[in-house]
C-alpha atoms as a PDB file:
ATOM      1  CA  MET A   1      -8.402  16.583  13.538  1.00  0.00           C
ATOM      2  CA  PRO A   2      -4.494  15.545  14.051  1.00  0.00           C
ATOM      3  CA  VAL A   3      -3.865  17.814  10.705  1.00  0.00           C
ATOM      4  CA  LYS A   4      -3.777  21.678  11.118  1.00  0.00           C
ATOM      5  CA  ILE A   5      -2.838  23.983   8.235  1.00  0.00           C
ATOM      6  CA  ASP A   6      -1.994  27.634   8.812  1.00  0.00           C
ATOM      7  CA  TYR A   7      -3.207  29.822   6.273  1.00  0.00           C
ATOM      8  CA  HIS A   8      -1.295  32.824   6.610  1.00  0.00           C
ATOM      9  CA  LYS A   9       2.387  30.763   6.488  1.00  0.00           C
ATOM     10  CA  CYS A  10       1.047  28.644   3.552  1.00  0.00           C
ATOM     11  CA  ASN A  11       2.451  29.608   0.356  1.00  0.00           C
ATOM     12  CA  GLY A  12       0.778  27.058  -1.902  1.00  0.00           C
ATOM     13  CA  CYS A  13       3.896  25.075  -2.895  1.00  0.00           C
ATOM     14  CA  ARG A  14       1.852  21.501  -3.001  1.00  0.00           C
ATOM     15  CA  ASN A  15       4.808  19.601  -1.039  1.00  0.00           C
ATOM     16  CA  CYS A  16       2.228  18.721   1.235  1.00  0.00           C
ATOM     17  CA  TYR A  17      -0.533  17.584  -0.689  1.00  0.00           C
ATOM     18  CA  THR A  18       2.002  15.688  -3.404  1.00  0.00           C
ATOM     19  CA  HIS A  19       4.186  13.883  -0.510  1.00  0.00           C
ATOM     20  CA  CYS A  20       0.822  12.713   1.113  1.00  0.00           C
ATOM     21  CA  PRO A  21       1.118   9.042   1.143  1.00  0.00           C
ATOM     22  CA  LEU A  22      -2.831   8.450   2.352  1.00  0.00           C
ATOM     23  CA  ASP A  23      -4.069  11.639  -0.079  1.00  0.00           C
ATOM     24  CA  VAL A  24      -5.521  13.095   3.154  1.00  0.00           C
ATOM     25  CA  ILE A  25      -4.684  15.866   1.951  1.00  0.00           C
ATOM     26  CA  GLY A  26      -6.405  17.194  -1.123  1.00  0.00           C
ATOM     27  CA  TRP A  27      -6.151  20.414  -3.010  1.00  0.00           C
ATOM     28  CA  ASP A  28      -8.685  23.216  -3.817  1.00  0.00           C
ATOM     29  CA  GLU A  29      -7.789  24.184  -6.715  1.00  0.00           C
ATOM     30  CA  GLU A  30     -10.546  27.680  -6.431  1.00  0.00           C
ATOM     31  CA  ARG A  31      -8.173  28.825  -3.539  1.00  0.00           C
ATOM     32  CA  ASP A  32      -5.444  27.917  -4.600  1.00  0.00           C
ATOM     33  CA  LEU A  33      -4.509  26.142  -1.550  1.00  0.00           C
ATOM     34  CA  PRO A  34      -4.551  22.347   0.769  1.00  0.00           C
ATOM     35  CA  ILE A  35      -7.604  21.189   2.087  1.00  0.00           C
ATOM     36  CA  VAL A  36      -7.492  18.282   4.511  1.00  0.00           C
ATOM     37  CA  LYS A  37      -9.947  16.127   3.206  1.00  0.00           C
ATOM     38  CA  TYR A  38      -9.522  12.966   4.729  1.00  0.00           C
ATOM     39  CA  PRO A  39      -8.818  13.748   8.224  1.00  0.00           C
ATOM     40  CA  ASP A  40      -9.951  10.550   9.837  1.00  0.00           C
ATOM     41  CA  GLU A  41      -7.323   8.833   7.498  1.00  0.00           C
ATOM     42  CA  CYS A  42      -4.550  10.424   8.815  1.00  0.00           C
ATOM     43  CA  GLN A  43      -1.759   7.859  10.231  1.00  0.00           C
ATOM     44  CA  ILE A  44       0.278  10.843  11.621  1.00  0.00           C
ATOM     45  CA  CYS A  45       2.822  10.450   9.156  1.00  0.00           C
ATOM     46  CA  HIS A  46       4.172  13.739  10.098  1.00  0.00           C
ATOM     47  CA  ILE A  47       5.474  13.644   6.265  1.00  0.00           C
ATOM     48  CA  CYS A  48       3.328  16.781   5.341  1.00  0.00           C
ATOM     49  CA  GLU A  49       4.586  18.593   8.293  1.00  0.00           C
ATOM     50  CA  VAL A  50       8.289  17.592   7.328  1.00  0.00           C
ATOM     51  CA  GLU A  51       7.514  18.401   3.443  1.00  0.00           C
ATOM     52  CA  CYS A  52       6.242  22.160   4.122  1.00  0.00           C
ATOM     53  CA  PRO A  53       8.686  24.744   3.660  1.00  0.00           C
ATOM     54  CA  GLU A  54       6.785  27.456   5.527  1.00  0.00           C
ATOM     55  CA  LYS A  55       6.173  25.561   8.569  1.00  0.00           C
ATOM     56  CA  ALA A  56       2.359  25.639   7.911  1.00  0.00           C
ATOM     57  CA  ILE A  57       1.424  22.135   9.138  1.00  0.00           C
ATOM     58  CA  LYS A  58       1.298  20.829  12.552  1.00  0.00           C
ATOM     59  CA  VAL A  59       0.188  17.461  12.886  1.00  0.00           C
ATOM     60  CA  THR A  60      -0.761  16.431  16.477  1.00  0.00           C
ATOM     61  CA  MET A  61      -1.317  13.537  18.277  1.00  0.00           C
ATOM     62  CA  PRO A  62      -4.970  12.489  19.258  1.00  0.00           C
ATOM     63  CA  LEU A  63      -5.247  11.535  23.092  1.00  0.00           C
ATOM     64  CA  ILE A  64      -6.526   8.386  22.096  1.00  0.00           C
ATOM     65  CA  PHE A  65      -2.693   7.899  21.474  1.00  0.00           C
ATOM     66  CA  TRP A  66      -1.769   8.892  24.706  1.00  0.00           C
END
C-alpha cells in the first residue's frame, strides 16, 4: 500500500480527502478520520502528502517501480 496515514498526527482537517484526484482516500464518518479506500488505485502523485499540514501521510514508492 503506497499511502500510509499516521493517525497519531492526523488532526482530521480533510485536506487529503479533498485534494486526492483519484478518490483513493475516503472519509470514515464514524471516526471522523481519513481512510485509504482504494490503495491499488493510487498513482503516487503525493498530493495528499503535500497537502497534509500535520505531515501525517507518507506516500512510498512500491518496489515494482524501482
